[in-house]
C-alpha cells in the first residue's frame, strides 16, 4: 500500500498535536497569568504617590516621600531616606491601613 498525501498530512498533524496542546496549556497556565501580573505591577508603579506606604522587594516597609521618573525616595525609619528604583517596589499598601498592634 502506498501512503497518500492526505494520510501523510493527517499523520503529521496527529504527531504534532501533543506539542500544540502542551504549548496552549503553558500559555494559559504560565504565560498569560504572568503577563497580567506584570501589567498590574506596572499600573501600581505608575500610580505611586507621595505618602503611600510601600513594601520593597527585600521586605523593607517604608513611606514614599518623593517620586521621580525612575526612582522613589522612601523613608524606612524616622529621618532615614533611601532612594529605590520604582520597579523594586513589591506592594503599595493602603495609606489608611493600620496594623492591629499599632495604636495612634
PDB file of N, CA and C in Angstrom:
ATOM      1  N   UNK A   1       0.827  -1.179   0.000  1.00  0.00           N
ATOM      2  CA  UNK A   1       0.000   0.000   0.000  1.00  0.00           C
ATOM      3  C   UNK A   1       0.877   1.250   0.000  1.00  0.00           C
ATOM      4  N   UNK A   2       0.511   2.215  -0.771  1.00  0.00           N
ATOM      5  CA  UNK A   2       1.279   3.451  -0.830  1.00  0.00           C
ATOM      6  C   UNK A   2       0.565   4.524  -0.020  1.00  0.00           C
ATOM      7  N   UNK A   3       1.327   5.280   0.768  1.00  0.00           N
ATOM      8  CA  UNK A   3       0.698   6.343   1.555  1.00  0.00           C
ATOM      9  C   UNK A   3       0.253   7.479   0.650  1.00  0.00           C
ATOM     10  N   UNK A   4      -0.898   7.984   0.918  1.00  0.00           N
ATOM     11  CA  UNK A   4      -1.413   9.106   0.132  1.00  0.00           C
ATOM     12  C   UNK A   4      -0.988  10.416   0.779  1.00  0.00           C
ATOM     13  N   UNK A   5      -1.139  11.482   0.038  1.00  0.00           N
ATOM     14  CA  UNK A   5      -0.766  12.806   0.561  1.00  0.00           C
ATOM     15  C   UNK A   5      -1.659  13.187   1.731  1.00  0.00           C
ATOM     16  N   UNK A   6      -2.934  12.830   1.662  1.00  0.00           N
ATOM     17  CA  UNK A   6      -3.858  13.154   2.740  1.00  0.00           C
ATOM     18  C   UNK A   6      -3.509  12.382   4.010  1.00  0.00           C
ATOM     19  N   UNK A   7      -3.133  11.121   3.869  1.00  0.00           N
ATOM     20  CA  UNK A   7      -2.751  10.311   5.030  1.00  0.00           C
ATOM     21  C   UNK A   7      -1.468  10.811   5.664  1.00  0.00           C
ATOM     22  N   UNK A   8      -0.557  11.290   4.862  1.00  0.00           N
ATOM     23  CA  UNK A   8       0.697  11.839   5.386  1.00  0.00           C
ATOM     24  C   UNK A   8       0.467  13.120   6.159  1.00  0.00           C
ATOM     25  N   UNK A   9      -0.430  13.949   5.658  1.00  0.00           N
ATOM     26  CA  UNK A   9      -0.751  15.200   6.344  1.00  0.00           C
ATOM     27  C   UNK A   9      -1.456  14.924   7.661  1.00  0.00           C
ATOM     28  N   UNK A  10      -2.368  13.974   7.658  1.00  0.00           N
ATOM     29  CA  UNK A  10      -3.079  13.603   8.884  1.00  0.00           C
ATOM     30  C   UNK A  10      -2.106  13.033   9.918  1.00  0.00           C
ATOM     31  N   UNK A  11      -1.189  12.216   9.455  1.00  0.00           N
ATOM     32  CA  UNK A  11      -0.202  11.640  10.370  1.00  0.00           C
ATOM     33  C   UNK A  11       0.689  12.723  10.969  1.00  0.00           C
ATOM     34  N   UNK A  12       1.067  13.713  10.179  1.00  0.00           N
ATOM     35  CA  UNK A  12       1.900  14.811  10.679  1.00  0.00           C
ATOM     36  C   UNK A  12       1.151  15.636  11.718  1.00  0.00           C
ATOM     37  N   UNK A  13      -0.131  15.901  11.449  1.00  0.00           N
ATOM     38  CA  UNK A  13      -0.932  16.677  12.407  1.00  0.00           C
ATOM     39  C   UNK A  13      -1.080  15.913  13.720  1.00  0.00           C
ATOM     40  N   UNK A  14      -1.355  14.606  13.615  1.00  0.00           N
ATOM     41  CA  UNK A  14      -1.504  13.785  14.813  1.00  0.00           C
ATOM     42  C   UNK A  14      -0.189  13.720  15.582  1.00  0.00           C
ATOM     43  N   UNK A  15       0.934  13.730  14.862  1.00  0.00           N
ATOM     44  CA  UNK A  15       2.237  13.667  15.511  1.00  0.00           C
ATOM     45  C   UNK A  15       2.544  14.956  16.272  1.00  0.00           C
ATOM     46  N   UNK A  16       2.155  16.115  15.734  1.00  0.00           N
ATOM     47  CA  UNK A  16       2.466  17.390  16.374  1.00  0.00           C
ATOM     48  C   UNK A  16       1.370  17.872  17.314  1.00  0.00           C
ATOM     49  N   UNK A  17       0.242  17.214  17.338  1.00  0.00           N
ATOM     50  CA  UNK A  17      -0.870  17.621  18.193  1.00  0.00           C
ATOM     51  C   UNK A  17      -0.503  17.683  19.676  1.00  0.00           C
ATOM     52  N   UNK A  18       0.241  16.727  20.245  1.00  0.00           N
ATOM     53  CA  UNK A  18       0.615  16.845  21.659  1.00  0.00           C
ATOM     54  C   UNK A  18       1.466  18.090  21.948  1.00  0.00           C
ATOM     55  N   UNK A  19       2.364  18.440  21.023  1.00  0.00           N
ATOM     56  CA  UNK A  19       3.194  19.630  21.219  1.00  0.00           C
ATOM     57  C   UNK A  19       2.356  20.901  21.189  1.00  0.00           C
ATOM     58  N   UNK A  20       1.386  20.938  20.302  1.00  0.00           N
ATOM     59  CA  UNK A  20       0.500  22.101  20.206  1.00  0.00           C
ATOM     60  C   UNK A  20      -0.336  22.221  21.477  1.00  0.00           C
ATOM     61  N   UNK A  21      -0.854  21.102  21.962  1.00  0.00           N
ATOM     62  CA  UNK A  21      -1.657  21.122  23.184  1.00  0.00           C
ATOM     63  C   UNK A  21      -0.823  21.548  24.390  1.00  0.00           C
ATOM     64  N   UNK A  22       0.415  21.090  24.470  1.00  0.00           N
ATOM     65  CA  UNK A  22       1.294  21.491  25.580  1.00  0.00           C
ATOM     66  C   UNK A  22       1.565  22.989  25.517  1.00  0.00           C
ATOM     67  N   UNK A  23       1.798  23.532  24.322  1.00  0.00           N
ATOM     68  CA  UNK A  23       2.034  24.968  24.194  1.00  0.00           C
ATOM     69  C   UNK A  23       0.806  25.765  24.630  1.00  0.00           C
ATOM     70  N   UNK A  24      -0.368  25.338  24.209  1.00  0.00           N
ATOM     71  CA  UNK A  24      -1.605  26.033  24.599  1.00  0.00           C
ATOM     72  C   UNK A  24      -1.781  25.971  26.120  1.00  0.00           C
ATOM     73  N   UNK A  25      -1.505  24.833  26.702  1.00  0.00           N
ATOM     74  CA  UNK A  25      -1.606  24.677  28.152  1.00  0.00           C
ATOM     75  C   UNK A  25      -0.620  25.593  28.875  1.00  0.00           C
ATOM     76  N   UNK A  26       0.634  25.654  28.412  1.00  0.00           N
ATOM     77  CA  UNK A  26       1.621  26.559  29.007  1.00  0.00           C
ATOM     78  C   UNK A  26       1.177  28.005  28.883  1.00  0.00           C
ATOM     79  N   UNK A  27       0.597  28.359  27.743  1.00  0.00           N
ATOM     80  CA  UNK A  27       0.165  29.739  27.559  1.00  0.00           C
ATOM     81  C   UNK A  27      -0.877  30.124  28.592  1.00  0.00           C
ATOM     82  N   UNK A  28      -1.893  29.292  28.772  1.00  0.00           N
ATOM     83  CA  UNK A  28      -2.978  29.647  29.682  1.00  0.00           C
ATOM     84  C   UNK A  28      -2.611  29.472  31.153  1.00  0.00           C
ATOM     85  N   UNK A  29      -1.681  28.595  31.473  1.00  0.00           N
ATOM     86  CA  UNK A  29      -1.331  28.371  32.877  1.00  0.00           C
ATOM     87  C   UNK A  29      -0.117  29.167  33.346  1.00  0.00           C
ATOM     88  N   UNK A  30       0.778  29.555  32.439  1.00  0.00           N
ATOM     89  CA  UNK A  30       2.000  30.240  32.857  1.00  0.00           C
ATOM     90  C   UNK A  30       2.173  31.619  32.224  1.00  0.00           C
ATOM     91  N   UNK A  31       2.114  31.697  30.929  1.00  0.00           N
ATOM     92  CA  UNK A  31       2.463  32.934  30.239  1.00  0.00           C
ATOM     93  C   UNK A  31       1.415  34.018  30.462  1.00  0.00           C
ATOM     94  N   UNK A  32       0.153  33.712  30.251  1.00  0.00           N
ATOM     95  CA  UNK A  32      -0.915  34.710  30.379  1.00  0.00           C
ATOM     96  C   UNK A  32      -1.040  35.272  31.801  1.00  0.00           C
ATOM     97  N   UNK A  33      -1.040  34.427  32.856  1.00  0.00           N
ATOM     98  CA  UNK A  33      -1.100  35.000  34.216  1.00  0.00           C
ATOM     99  C   UNK A  33       0.113  35.873  34.549  1.00  0.00           C
ATOM    100  N   UNK A  34       1.294  35.503  34.057  1.00  0.00           N
ATOM    101  CA  UNK A  34       2.482  36.307  34.318  1.00  0.00           C
ATOM    102  C   UNK A  34       2.368  37.666  33.635  1.00  0.00           C
ATOM    103  N   UNK A  35       1.829  37.708  32.433  1.00  0.00           N
ATOM    104  CA  UNK A  35       1.635  38.975  31.743  1.00  0.00           C
ATOM    105  C   UNK A  35       0.637  39.858  32.485  1.00  0.00           C
ATOM    106  N   UNK A  36      -0.414  39.259  33.035  1.00  0.00           N
ATOM    107  CA  UNK A  36      -1.390  40.027  33.813  1.00  0.00           C
ATOM    108  C   UNK A  36      -0.751  40.612  35.070  1.00  0.00           C
ATOM    109  N   UNK A  37       0.067  39.799  35.768  1.00  0.00           N
ATOM    110  CA  UNK A  37       0.747  40.305  36.967  1.00  0.00           C
ATOM    111  C   UNK A  37       1.700  41.437  36.629  1.00  0.00           C
ATOM    112  N   UNK A  38       2.432  41.307  35.535  1.00  0.00           N
ATOM    113  CA  UNK A  38       3.378  42.353  35.136  1.00  0.00           C
ATOM    114  C   UNK A  38       2.633  43.646  34.800  1.00  0.00           C
ATOM    115  N   UNK A  39       1.506  43.535  34.119  1.00  0.00           N
ATOM    116  CA  UNK A  39       0.720  44.719  33.775  1.00  0.00           C
ATOM    117  C   UNK A  39       0.160  45.385  35.033  1.00  0.00           C
ATOM    118  N   UNK A  40      -0.324  44.592  35.977  1.00  0.00           N
ATOM    119  CA  UNK A  40      -0.852  45.144  37.226  1.00  0.00           C
ATOM    120  C   UNK A  40       0.257  45.824  38.031  1.00  0.00           C
ATOM    121  N   UNK A  41       1.458  45.247  38.033  1.00  0.00           N
ATOM    122  CA  UNK A  41       2.589  45.842  38.753  1.00  0.00           C
ATOM    123  C   UNK A  41       2.981  47.166  38.120  1.00  0.00           C
ATOM    124  N   UNK A  42       2.991  47.235  36.793  1.00  0.00           N
ATOM    125  CA  UNK A  42       3.319  48.477  36.110  1.00  0.00           C
ATOM    126  C   UNK A  42       2.304  49.570  36.422  1.00  0.00           C
ATOM    127  N   UNK A  43       1.032  49.231  36.455  1.00  0.00           N
ATOM    128  CA  UNK A  43      -0.006  50.207  36.784  1.00  0.00           C
ATOM    129  C   UNK A  43       0.139  50.684  38.226  1.00  0.00           C
ATOM    130  N   UNK A  44       0.499  49.757  39.136  1.00  0.00           N
ATOM    131  CA  UNK A  44       0.704  50.121  40.534  1.00  0.00           C
ATOM    132  C   UNK A  44       1.866  51.108  40.655  1.00  0.00           C
ATOM    133  N   UNK A  45       2.931  50.871  39.913  1.00  0.00           N
ATOM    134  CA  UNK A  45       4.102  51.753  39.959  1.00  0.00           C
ATOM    135  C   UNK A  45       3.759  53.127  39.391  1.00  0.00           C
ATOM    136  N   UNK A  46       2.966  53.165  38.317  1.00  0.00           N
ATOM    137  CA  UNK A  46       2.583  54.450  37.721  1.00  0.00           C
ATOM    138  C   UNK A  46       1.712  55.269  38.669  1.00  0.00           C
ATOM    139  N   UNK A  47       0.917  54.596  39.496  1.00  0.00           N
ATOM    140  CA  UNK A  47       0.009  55.292  40.413  1.00  0.00           C
ATOM    141  C   UNK A  47       0.671  55.649  41.744  1.00  0.00           C
ATOM    142  N   UNK A  48       1.946  55.367  41.894  1.00  0.00           N
ATOM    143  CA  UNK A  48       2.662  55.643  43.138  1.00  0.00           C
ATOM    144  C   UNK A  48       2.694  57.150  43.405  1.00  0.00           C
ATOM    145  N   UNK A  49       2.409  57.523  44.661  1.00  0.00           N
ATOM    146  CA  UNK A  49       2.419  58.942  45.010  1.00  0.00           C
ATOM    147  C   UNK A  49       2.994  59.126  46.413  1.00  0.00           C
ATOM    148  N   UNK A  50       3.290  60.368  46.705  1.00  0.00           N
ATOM    149  CA  UNK A  50       3.863  60.724  47.998  1.00  0.00           C
ATOM    150  C   UNK A  50       2.888  60.349  49.107  1.00  0.00           C
ATOM    151  N   UNK A  51       3.407  59.742  50.175  1.00  0.00           N
ATOM    152  CA  UNK A  51       2.592  59.365  51.311  1.00  0.00           C
ATOM    153  C   UNK A  51       2.173  57.906  51.299  1.00  0.00           C
ATOM    154  N   UNK A  52       2.334  57.211  50.178  1.00  0.00           N
ATOM    155  CA  UNK A  52       1.971  55.800  50.115  1.00  0.00           C
ATOM    156  C   UNK A  52       2.928  54.969  50.958  1.00  0.00           C
ATOM    157  N   UNK A  53       2.391  53.975  51.619  1.00  0.00           N
ATOM    158  CA  UNK A  53       3.230  53.030  52.355  1.00  0.00           C
ATOM    159  C   UNK A  53       3.530  51.872  51.417  1.00  0.00           C
ATOM    160  N   UNK A  54       4.804  51.532  51.263  1.00  0.00           N
ATOM    161  CA  UNK A  54       5.212  50.527  50.290  1.00  0.00           C
ATOM    162  C   UNK A  54       6.030  49.432  50.959  1.00  0.00           C
ATOM    163  N   UNK A  55       6.018  48.271  50.318  1.00  0.00           N
ATOM    164  CA  UNK A  55       6.872  47.158  50.709  1.00  0.00           C
ATOM    165  C   UNK A  55       7.861  46.970  49.573  1.00  0.00           C
ATOM    166  N   UNK A  56       9.142  47.007  49.891  1.00  0.00           N
ATOM    167  CA  UNK A  56      10.171  46.823  48.869  1.00  0.00           C
ATOM    168  C   UNK A  56      10.387  45.338  48.619  1.00  0.00           C
ATOM    169  N   UNK A  57      11.067  45.019  47.539  1.00  0.00           N
ATOM    170  CA  UNK A  57      11.280  43.615  47.167  1.00  0.00           C
ATOM    171  C   UNK A  57      12.130  42.867  48.188  1.00  0.00           C
ATOM    172  N   UNK A  58      12.899  43.579  49.006  1.00  0.00           N
ATOM    173  CA  UNK A  58      13.710  42.919  50.032  1.00  0.00           C
ATOM    174  C   UNK A  58      12.966  42.792  51.358  1.00  0.00           C
ATOM    175  N   UNK A  59      11.716  43.239  51.415  1.00  0.00           N
ATOM    176  CA  UNK A  59      10.910  43.079  52.618  1.00  0.00           C
ATOM    177  C   UNK A  59      10.822  44.315  53.491  1.00  0.00           C
ATOM    178  N   UNK A  60      11.566  45.339  53.193  1.00  0.00           N
ATOM    179  CA  UNK A  60      11.513  46.561  53.993  1.00  0.00           C
ATOM    180  C   UNK A  60      10.207  47.313  53.715  1.00  0.00           C
ATOM    181  N   UNK A  61       9.670  47.919  54.754  1.00  0.00           N
ATOM    182  CA  UNK A  61       8.443  48.696  54.651  1.00  0.00           C
ATOM    183  C   UNK A  61       8.798  50.149  54.892  1.00  0.00           C
ATOM    184  N   UNK A  62       8.275  51.027  54.068  1.00  0.00           N
ATOM    185  CA  UNK A  62       8.572  52.439  54.233  1.00  0.00           C
ATOM    186  C   UNK A  62       7.483  53.298  53.646  1.00  0.00           C
ATOM    187  N   UNK A  63       7.689  54.604  53.768  1.00  0.00           N
ATOM    188  CA  UNK A  63       6.714  55.591  53.299  1.00  0.00           C
ATOM    189  C   UNK A  63       7.374  56.419  52.198  1.00  0.00           C
ATOM    190  N   UNK A  64       6.674  56.587  51.089  1.00  0.00           N
ATOM    191  CA  UNK A  64       7.214  57.334  49.956  1.00  0.00           C
ATOM    192  C   UNK A  64       7.217  58.818  50.301  1.00  0.00           C
ATOM    193  N   UNK A  65       8.382  59.454  50.154  1.00  0.00           N
ATOM    194  CA  UNK A  65       8.497  60.881  50.429  1.00  0.00           C
ATOM    195  C   UNK A  65       8.676  61.694  49.162  1.00  0.00           C
ATOM    196  N   UNK A  66       9.165  61.050  48.094  1.00  0.00           N
ATOM    197  CA  UNK A  66       9.346  61.759  46.824  1.00  0.00           C
ATOM    198  C   UNK A  66       9.289  60.743  45.688  1.00  0.00           C
ATOM    199  N   UNK A  67       8.649  61.117  44.602  1.00  0.00           N
ATOM    200  CA  UNK A  67       8.545  60.240  43.432  1.00  0.00           C
ATOM    201  C   UNK A  67       9.172  60.947  42.243  1.00  0.00           C
ATOM    202  N   UNK A  68      10.109  60.264  41.603  1.00  0.00           N
ATOM    203  CA  UNK A  68      10.735  60.775  40.389  1.00  0.00           C
ATOM    204  C   UNK A  68      10.362  59.855  39.239  1.00  0.00           C
ATOM    205  N   UNK A  69      10.969  60.072  38.088  1.00  0.00           N
ATOM    206  CA  UNK A  69      10.609  59.289  36.910  1.00  0.00           C
ATOM    207  C   UNK A  69      10.944  57.808  37.076  1.00  0.00           C
ATOM    208  N   UNK A  70      12.171  57.482  37.485  1.00  0.00           N
ATOM    209  CA  UNK A  70      12.583  56.081  37.592  1.00  0.00           C
ATOM    210  C   UNK A  70      12.837  55.654  39.033  1.00  0.00           C
ATOM    211  N   UNK A  71      12.914  56.603  39.937  1.00  0.00           N
ATOM    212  CA  UNK A  71      13.237  56.302  41.331  1.00  0.00           C
ATOM    213  C   UNK A  71      12.214  56.931  42.262  1.00  0.00           C
ATOM    214  N   UNK A  72      12.225  56.432  43.500  1.00  0.00           N
ATOM    215  CA  UNK A  72      11.383  56.999  44.541  1.00  0.00           C
ATOM    216  C   UNK A  72      12.205  57.084  45.817  1.00  0.00           C
ATOM    217  N   UNK A  73      11.969  58.109  46.610  1.00  0.00           N
ATOM    218  CA  UNK A  73      12.633  58.252  47.901  1.00  0.00           C
ATOM    219  C   UNK A  73      11.690  57.665  48.945  1.00  0.00           C
ATOM    220  N   UNK A  74      12.190  56.703  49.707  1.00  0.00           N
ATOM    221  CA  UNK A  74      11.368  56.005  50.692  1.00  0.00           C
ATOM    222  C   UNK A  74      11.988  56.204  52.067  1.00  0.00           C
ATOM    223  N   UNK A  75      11.160  56.616  53.019  1.00  0.00           N
ATOM    224  CA  UNK A  75      11.607  56.780  54.399  1.00  0.00           C
ATOM    225  C   UNK A  75      11.357  55.445  55.106  1.00  0.00           C
ATOM    226  N   UNK A  76      12.458  54.759  55.492  1.00  0.00           N
ATOM    227  CA  UNK A  76      12.337  53.450  56.121  1.00  0.00           C
ATOM    228  C   UNK A  76      12.385  53.539  57.639  1.00  0.00           C
ATOM    229  N   UNK A  77      12.858  54.652  58.151  1.00  0.00           N
ATOM    230  CA  UNK A  77      12.845  54.948  59.585  1.00  0.00           C
ATOM    231  C   UNK A  77      12.810  56.463  59.700  1.00  0.00           C
ATOM    232  N   UNK A  78      12.531  56.959  60.891  1.00  0.00           N
ATOM    233  CA  UNK A  78      12.435  58.407  61.049  1.00  0.00           C
ATOM    234  C   UNK A  78      13.776  59.050  60.716  1.00  0.00           C
ATOM    235  N   UNK A  79      13.764  59.877  59.680  1.00  0.00           N
ATOM    236  CA  UNK A  79      14.973  60.573  59.262  1.00  0.00           C
ATOM    237  C   UNK A  79      15.896  59.755  58.365  1.00  0.00           C
ATOM    238  N   UNK A  80      15.527  58.529  58.026  1.00  0.00           N
ATOM    239  CA  UNK A  80      16.352  57.685  57.163  1.00  0.00           C
ATOM    240  C   UNK A  80      15.628  57.501  55.833  1.00  0.00           C
ATOM    241  N   UNK A  81      16.116  58.181  54.812  1.00  0.00           N
ATOM    242  CA  UNK A  81      15.529  58.102  53.478  1.00  0.00           C
ATOM    243  C   UNK A  81      16.476  57.352  52.561  1.00  0.00           C
ATOM    244  N   UNK A  82      15.911  56.459  51.758  1.00  0.00           N
ATOM    245  CA  UNK A  82      16.705  55.731  50.770  1.00  0.00           C
ATOM    246  C   UNK A  82      16.059  55.914  49.405  1.00  0.00           C
ATOM    247  N   UNK A  83      16.892  55.964  48.402  1.00  0.00           N
ATOM    248  CA  UNK A  83      16.410  56.067  47.041  1.00  0.00           C
ATOM    249  C   UNK A  83      16.313  54.658  46.471  1.00  0.00           C
ATOM    250  N   UNK A  84      15.152  54.299  45.947  1.00  0.00           N
ATOM    251  CA  UNK A  84      14.948  52.962  45.393  1.00  0.00           C
ATOM    252  C   UNK A  84      14.434  53.089  43.957  1.00  0.00           C
ATOM    253  N   UNK A  85      14.766  52.107  43.164  1.00  0.00           N
ATOM    254  CA  UNK A  85      14.241  52.042  41.814  1.00  0.00           C
ATOM    255  C   UNK A  85      12.781  51.622  41.917  1.00  0.00           C
ATOM    256  N   UNK A  86      11.908  52.318  41.207  1.00  0.00           N
ATOM    257  CA  UNK A  86      10.468  52.102  41.361  1.00  0.00           C
ATOM    258  C   UNK A  86      10.042  50.674  41.040  1.00  0.00           C
ATOM    259  N   UNK A  87      10.736  50.006  40.158  1.00  0.00           N
ATOM    260  CA  UNK A  87      10.348  48.636  39.811  1.00  0.00           C
ATOM    261  C   UNK A  87      10.642  47.650  40.937  1.00  0.00           C
ATOM    262  N   UNK A  88      11.432  48.053  41.930  1.00  0.00           N
ATOM    263  CA  UNK A  88      11.742  47.183  43.063  1.00  0.00           C
ATOM    264  C   UNK A  88      10.714  47.298  44.185  1.00  0.00           C
ATOM    265  N   UNK A  89       9.672  48.073  43.973  1.00  0.00           N
ATOM    266  CA  UNK A  89       8.584  48.166  44.943  1.00  0.00           C
ATOM    267  C   UNK A  89       7.648  47.000  44.680  1.00  0.00           C
ATOM    268  N   UNK A  90       7.472  46.146  45.675  1.00  0.00           N
ATOM    269  CA  UNK A  90       6.689  44.928  45.502  1.00  0.00           C
ATOM    270  C   UNK A  90       5.206  45.156  45.745  1.00  0.00           C
ATOM    271  N   UNK A  91       4.874  46.066  46.653  1.00  0.00           N
ATOM    272  CA  UNK A  91       3.470  46.244  47.030  1.00  0.00           C
ATOM    273  C   UNK A  91       3.254  47.662  47.521  1.00  0.00           C
ATOM    274  N   UNK A  92       2.110  48.212  47.206  1.00  0.00           N
ATOM    275  CA  UNK A  92       1.701  49.508  47.747  1.00  0.00           C
ATOM    276  C   UNK A  92       0.550  49.234  48.689  1.00  0.00           C
ATOM    277  N   UNK A  93       0.765  49.574  49.958  1.00  0.00           N
ATOM    278  CA  UNK A  93      -0.277  49.361  50.960  1.00  0.00           C
ATOM    279  C   UNK A  93      -1.155  50.587  51.053  1.00  0.00           C
ATOM    280  N   UNK A  94      -2.335  50.396  51.557  1.00  0.00           N
ATOM    281  CA  UNK A  94      -3.284  51.476  51.740  1.00  0.00           C
ATOM    282  C   UNK A  94      -2.742  52.440  52.795  1.00  0.00           C
ATOM    283  N   UNK A  95      -2.879  53.721  52.530  1.00  0.00           N
ATOM    284  CA  UNK A  95      -2.384  54.717  53.487  1.00  0.00           C
ATOM    285  C   UNK A  95      -3.116  54.663  54.811  1.00  0.00           C
ATOM    286  N   UNK A  96      -4.383  54.343  54.787  1.00  0.00           N
ATOM    287  CA  UNK A  96      -5.174  54.384  55.999  1.00  0.00           C
ATOM    288  C   UNK A  96      -5.104  53.075  56.782  1.00  0.00           C
ATOM    289  N   UNK A  97      -4.520  52.036  56.197  1.00  0.00           N
ATOM    290  CA  UNK A  97      -4.430  50.754  56.900  1.00  0.00           C
ATOM    291  C   UNK A  97      -3.434  50.854  58.041  1.00  0.00           C
ATOM    292  N   UNK A  98      -3.855  50.429  59.207  1.00  0.00           N
ATOM    293  CA  UNK A  98      -3.001  50.435  60.390  1.00  0.00           C
ATOM    294  C   UNK A  98      -2.987  49.028  60.940  1.00  0.00           C
ATOM    295  N   UNK A  99      -1.801  48.543  61.295  1.00  0.00           N
ATOM    296  CA  UNK A  99      -1.681  47.193  61.830  1.00  0.00           C
ATOM    297  C   UNK A  99      -2.420  47.100  63.159  1.00  0.00           C
ATOM    298  N   UNK A 100      -2.792  45.896  63.534  1.00  0.00           N
ATOM    299  CA  UNK A 100      -3.586  45.670  64.743  1.00  0.00           C
ATOM    300  C   UNK A 100      -2.846  46.101  66.002  1.00  0.00           C
ATOM    301  N   UNK A 101      -1.516  45.987  66.001  1.00  0.00           N
ATOM    302  CA  UNK A 101      -0.772  46.344  67.209  1.00  0.00           C
ATOM    303  C   UNK A 101      -0.322  47.802  67.213  1.00  0.00           C
ATOM    304  N   UNK A 102      -0.644  48.550  66.180  1.00  0.00           N
ATOM    305  CA  UNK A 102      -0.307  49.987  66.160  1.00  0.00           C
ATOM    306  C   UNK A 102      -1.484  50.776  66.692  1.00  0.00           C
ATOM    307  N   UNK A 103      -1.221  51.608  67.656  1.00  0.00           N
ATOM    308  CA  UNK A 103      -2.284  52.455  68.212  1.00  0.00           C
ATOM    309  C   UNK A 103      -1.820  53.896  68.119  1.00  0.00           C
ATOM    310  N   UNK A 104      -2.503  54.650  67.298  1.00  0.00           N
ATOM    311  CA  UNK A 104      -2.099  56.043  67.119  1.00  0.00           C
ATOM    312  C   UNK A 104      -3.191  56.953  67.588  1.00  0.00           C
TER     313      UNK A 104
END
